[in-house]
PDB file of N, CA and C in Angstrom:
ATOM      1  N   MET A   1      62.026  56.851-158.044  1.00  0.00           N
ATOM      2  CA  MET A   1      60.772  57.550-157.774  1.00  0.00           C
ATOM      3  C   MET A   1      60.428  57.297-156.261  1.00  0.00           C
ATOM      4  N   ARG A   2      60.563  56.088-155.868  1.00  0.00           N
ATOM      5  CA  ARG A   2      60.191  55.757-154.487  1.00  0.00           C
ATOM      6  C   ARG A   2      60.957  56.542-153.510  1.00  0.00           C
ATOM      7  N   LYS A   3      62.306  56.687-153.784  1.00  0.00           N
ATOM      8  CA  LYS A   3      63.207  57.459-152.888  1.00  0.00           C
ATOM      9  C   LYS A   3      62.772  58.898-152.845  1.00  0.00           C
ATOM     10  N   GLU A   4      62.334  59.492-153.986  1.00  0.00           N
ATOM     11  CA  GLU A   4      61.873  60.876-153.957  1.00  0.00           C
ATOM     12  C   GLU A   4      60.593  61.049-153.172  1.00  0.00           C
ATOM     13  N   MET A   5      59.718  60.059-153.281  1.00  0.00           N
ATOM     14  CA  MET A   5      58.472  60.125-152.481  1.00  0.00           C
ATOM     15  C   MET A   5      58.745  60.067-151.029  1.00  0.00           C
ATOM     16  N   ARG A   6      59.720  59.220-150.691  1.00  0.00           N
ATOM     17  CA  ARG A   6      60.132  59.115-149.239  1.00  0.00           C
ATOM     18  C   ARG A   6      60.650  60.413-148.752  1.00  0.00           C
ATOM     19  N   ALA A   7      61.498  61.083-149.521  1.00  0.00           N
ATOM     20  CA  ALA A   7      62.103  62.329-149.121  1.00  0.00           C
ATOM     21  C   ALA A   7      60.950  63.383-148.953  1.00  0.00           C
ATOM     22  N   LEU A   8      60.034  63.428-149.884  1.00  0.00           N
ATOM     23  CA  LEU A   8      58.871  64.349-149.814  1.00  0.00           C
ATOM     24  C   LEU A   8      58.118  64.097-148.580  1.00  0.00           C
ATOM     25  N   THR A   9      57.819  62.853-148.287  1.00  0.00           N
ATOM     26  CA  THR A   9      57.049  62.506-147.086  1.00  0.00           C
ATOM     27  C   THR A   9      57.746  62.942-145.856  1.00  0.00           C
ATOM     28  N   ASP A  10      59.126  62.697-145.773  1.00  0.00           N
ATOM     29  CA  ASP A  10      59.839  63.083-144.617  1.00  0.00           C
ATOM     30  C   ASP A  10      59.876  64.599-144.424  1.00  0.00           C
ATOM     31  N   ALA A  11      59.936  65.314-145.581  1.00  0.00           N
ATOM     32  CA  ALA A  11      59.999  66.771-145.500  1.00  0.00           C
ATOM     33  C   ALA A  11      58.618  67.314-145.058  1.00  0.00           C
ATOM     34  N   MET A  12      57.601  66.679-145.363  1.00  0.00           N
ATOM     35  CA  MET A  12      56.220  67.167-145.050  1.00  0.00           C
ATOM     36  C   MET A  12      55.893  66.820-143.566  1.00  0.00           C
ATOM     37  N   THR A  13      56.481  65.691-143.056  1.00  0.00           N
ATOM     38  CA  THR A  13      56.151  65.250-141.716  1.00  0.00           C
ATOM     39  C   THR A  13      56.550  66.267-140.624  1.00  0.00           C
ATOM     40  N   ILE A  14      57.656  66.864-140.793  1.00  0.00           N
ATOM     41  CA  ILE A  14      58.111  67.829-139.763  1.00  0.00           C
ATOM     42  C   ILE A  14      57.181  69.024-139.609  1.00  0.00           C
ATOM     43  N   PRO A  15      56.881  69.793-140.667  1.00  0.00           N
ATOM     44  CA  PRO A  15      55.978  70.966-140.482  1.00  0.00           C
ATOM     45  C   PRO A  15      54.609  70.536-140.094  1.00  0.00           C
ATOM     46  N   VAL A  16      54.134  69.446-140.584  1.00  0.00           N
ATOM     47  CA  VAL A  16      52.744  68.930-140.184  1.00  0.00           C
ATOM     48  C   VAL A  16      52.711  68.654-138.681  1.00  0.00           C
ATOM     49  N   THR A  17      53.802  68.048-138.152  1.00  0.00           N
ATOM     50  CA  THR A  17      53.857  67.719-136.768  1.00  0.00           C
ATOM     51  C   THR A  17      53.869  69.034-135.899  1.00  0.00           C
ATOM     52  N   LYS A  18      54.596  69.997-136.333  1.00  0.00           N
ATOM     53  CA  LYS A  18      54.678  71.250-135.670  1.00  0.00           C
ATOM     54  C   LYS A  18      53.284  71.986-135.598  1.00  0.00           C
ATOM     55  N   VAL A  19      52.625  71.882-136.812  1.00  0.00           N
ATOM     56  CA  VAL A  19      51.299  72.507-136.810  1.00  0.00           C
ATOM     57  C   VAL A  19      50.348  71.787-135.930  1.00  0.00           C
ATOM     58  N   ALA A  20      50.422  70.493-135.892  1.00  0.00           N
ATOM     59  CA  ALA A  20      49.579  69.654-134.989  1.00  0.00           C
ATOM     60  C   ALA A  20      49.828  70.004-133.553  1.00  0.00           C
ATOM     61  N   ASP A  21      51.127  70.185-133.210  1.00  0.00           N
ATOM     62  CA  ASP A  21      51.483  70.550-131.799  1.00  0.00           C
ATOM     63  C   ASP A  21      50.879  71.904-131.472  1.00  0.00           C
ATOM     64  N   ARG A  22      50.877  72.818-132.377  1.00  0.00           N
ATOM     65  CA  ARG A  22      50.355  74.187-132.106  1.00  0.00           C
ATOM     66  C   ARG A  22      48.859  74.082-131.863  1.00  0.00           C
ATOM     67  N   VAL A  23      48.191  73.273-132.664  1.00  0.00           N
ATOM     68  CA  VAL A  23      46.748  73.088-132.518  1.00  0.00           C
ATOM     69  C   VAL A  23      46.437  72.491-131.180  1.00  0.00           C
ATOM     70  N   LEU A  24      47.270  71.492-130.773  1.00  0.00           N
ATOM     71  CA  LEU A  24      47.017  70.857-129.517  1.00  0.00           C
ATOM     72  C   LEU A  24      47.213  71.848-128.288  1.00  0.00           C
ATOM     73  N   VAL A  25      48.157  72.715-128.535  1.00  0.00           N
ATOM     74  CA  VAL A  25      48.443  73.771-127.520  1.00  0.00           C
ATOM     75  C   VAL A  25      47.243  74.742-127.345  1.00  0.00           C
ATOM     76  N   GLY A  26      46.490  74.935-128.425  1.00  0.00           N
ATOM     77  CA  GLY A  26      45.231  75.674-128.312  1.00  0.00           C
ATOM     78  C   GLY A  26      45.124  76.767-129.291  1.00  0.00           C
ATOM     79  N   PHE A  27      45.711  76.655-130.488  1.00  0.00           N
ATOM     80  CA  PHE A  27      45.444  77.588-131.600  1.00  0.00           C
ATOM     81  C   PHE A  27      43.972  77.602-131.952  1.00  0.00           C
ATOM     82  N   SER A  28      43.432  78.734-132.283  1.00  0.00           N
ATOM     83  CA  SER A  28      42.069  78.790-132.733  1.00  0.00           C
ATOM     84  C   SER A  28      42.024  78.295-134.186  1.00  0.00           C
ATOM     85  N   GLN A  29      40.901  77.988-134.706  1.00  0.00           N
ATOM     86  CA  GLN A  29      40.733  77.517-136.047  1.00  0.00           C
ATOM     87  C   GLN A  29      41.245  78.519-137.077  1.00  0.00           C
ATOM     88  N   ALA A  30      40.962  79.791-136.811  1.00  0.00           N
ATOM     89  CA  ALA A  30      41.343  80.894-137.685  1.00  0.00           C
ATOM     90  C   ALA A  30      42.916  80.922-137.734  1.00  0.00           C
ATOM     91  N   GLU A  31      43.584  80.854-136.590  1.00  0.00           N
ATOM     92  CA  GLU A  31      45.012  80.860-136.574  1.00  0.00           C
ATOM     93  C   GLU A  31      45.592  79.681-137.272  1.00  0.00           C
ATOM     94  N   PHE A  32      45.009  78.524-137.088  1.00  0.00           N
ATOM     95  CA  PHE A  32      45.512  77.375-137.815  1.00  0.00           C
ATOM     96  C   PHE A  32      45.404  77.479-139.318  1.00  0.00           C
ATOM     97  N   GLU A  33      44.237  78.012-139.792  1.00  0.00           N
ATOM     98  CA  GLU A  33      44.076  78.132-141.240  1.00  0.00           C
ATOM     99  C   GLU A  33      45.041  79.153-141.806  1.00  0.00           C
ATOM    100  N   GLN A  34      45.301  80.188-140.974  1.00  0.00           N
ATOM    101  CA  GLN A  34      46.243  81.267-141.530  1.00  0.00           C
ATOM    102  C   GLN A  34      47.598  80.636-141.595  1.00  0.00           C
ATOM    103  N   ALA A  35      48.067  79.848-140.614  1.00  0.00           N
ATOM    104  CA  ALA A  35      49.327  79.255-140.572  1.00  0.00           C
ATOM    105  C   ALA A  35      49.425  78.211-141.712  1.00  0.00           C
ATOM    106  N   PHE A  36      48.371  77.499-142.005  1.00  0.00           N
ATOM    107  CA  PHE A  36      48.328  76.480-143.027  1.00  0.00           C
ATOM    108  C   PHE A  36      48.467  77.163-144.405  1.00  0.00           C
ATOM    109  N   GLN A  37      47.783  78.253-144.599  1.00  0.00           N
ATOM    110  CA  GLN A  37      47.828  78.990-145.860  1.00  0.00           C
ATOM    111  C   GLN A  37      49.231  79.527-146.081  1.00  0.00           C
ATOM    112  N   SER A  38      49.820  80.154-145.039  1.00  0.00           N
ATOM    113  CA  SER A  38      51.097  80.700-145.205  1.00  0.00           C
ATOM    114  C   SER A  38      52.154  79.587-145.497  1.00  0.00           C
ATOM    115  N   TYR A  39      51.942  78.439-144.910  1.00  0.00           N
ATOM    116  CA  TYR A  39      52.852  77.334-145.194  1.00  0.00           C
ATOM    117  C   TYR A  39      52.748  76.846-146.647  1.00  0.00           C
ATOM    118  N   ARG A  40      51.496  76.751-147.116  1.00  0.00           N
ATOM    119  CA  ARG A  40      51.262  76.301-148.500  1.00  0.00           C
ATOM    120  C   ARG A  40      51.793  77.287-149.512  1.00  0.00           C
ATOM    121  N   SER A  41      51.645  78.532-149.220  1.00  0.00           N
ATOM    122  CA  SER A  41      52.105  79.611-150.192  1.00  0.00           C
ATOM    123  C   SER A  41      53.599  79.665-150.135  1.00  0.00           C
ATOM    124  N   GLY A  42      54.244  79.180-149.081  1.00  0.00           N
ATOM    125  CA  GLY A  42      55.712  79.184-148.909  1.00  0.00           C
ATOM    126  C   GLY A  42      56.373  78.040-149.739  1.00  0.00           C
ATOM    127  N   GLN A  43      55.546  77.099-150.204  1.00  0.00           N
ATOM    128  CA  GLN A  43      56.128  75.944-150.941  1.00  0.00           C
ATOM    129  C   GLN A  43      56.812  76.387-152.266  1.00  0.00           C
TER     130      GLN A  43
END
């Protein structure tokens, strides 16, 4: 179970980091929410 959680955490870290980078670059709140929703629906 712990190994699965580790893999899930690692898998989530990459897209979260990319989204954070885009926000830092200057995405508006609306663009961020749209990207977040499309990411969640893609799960």
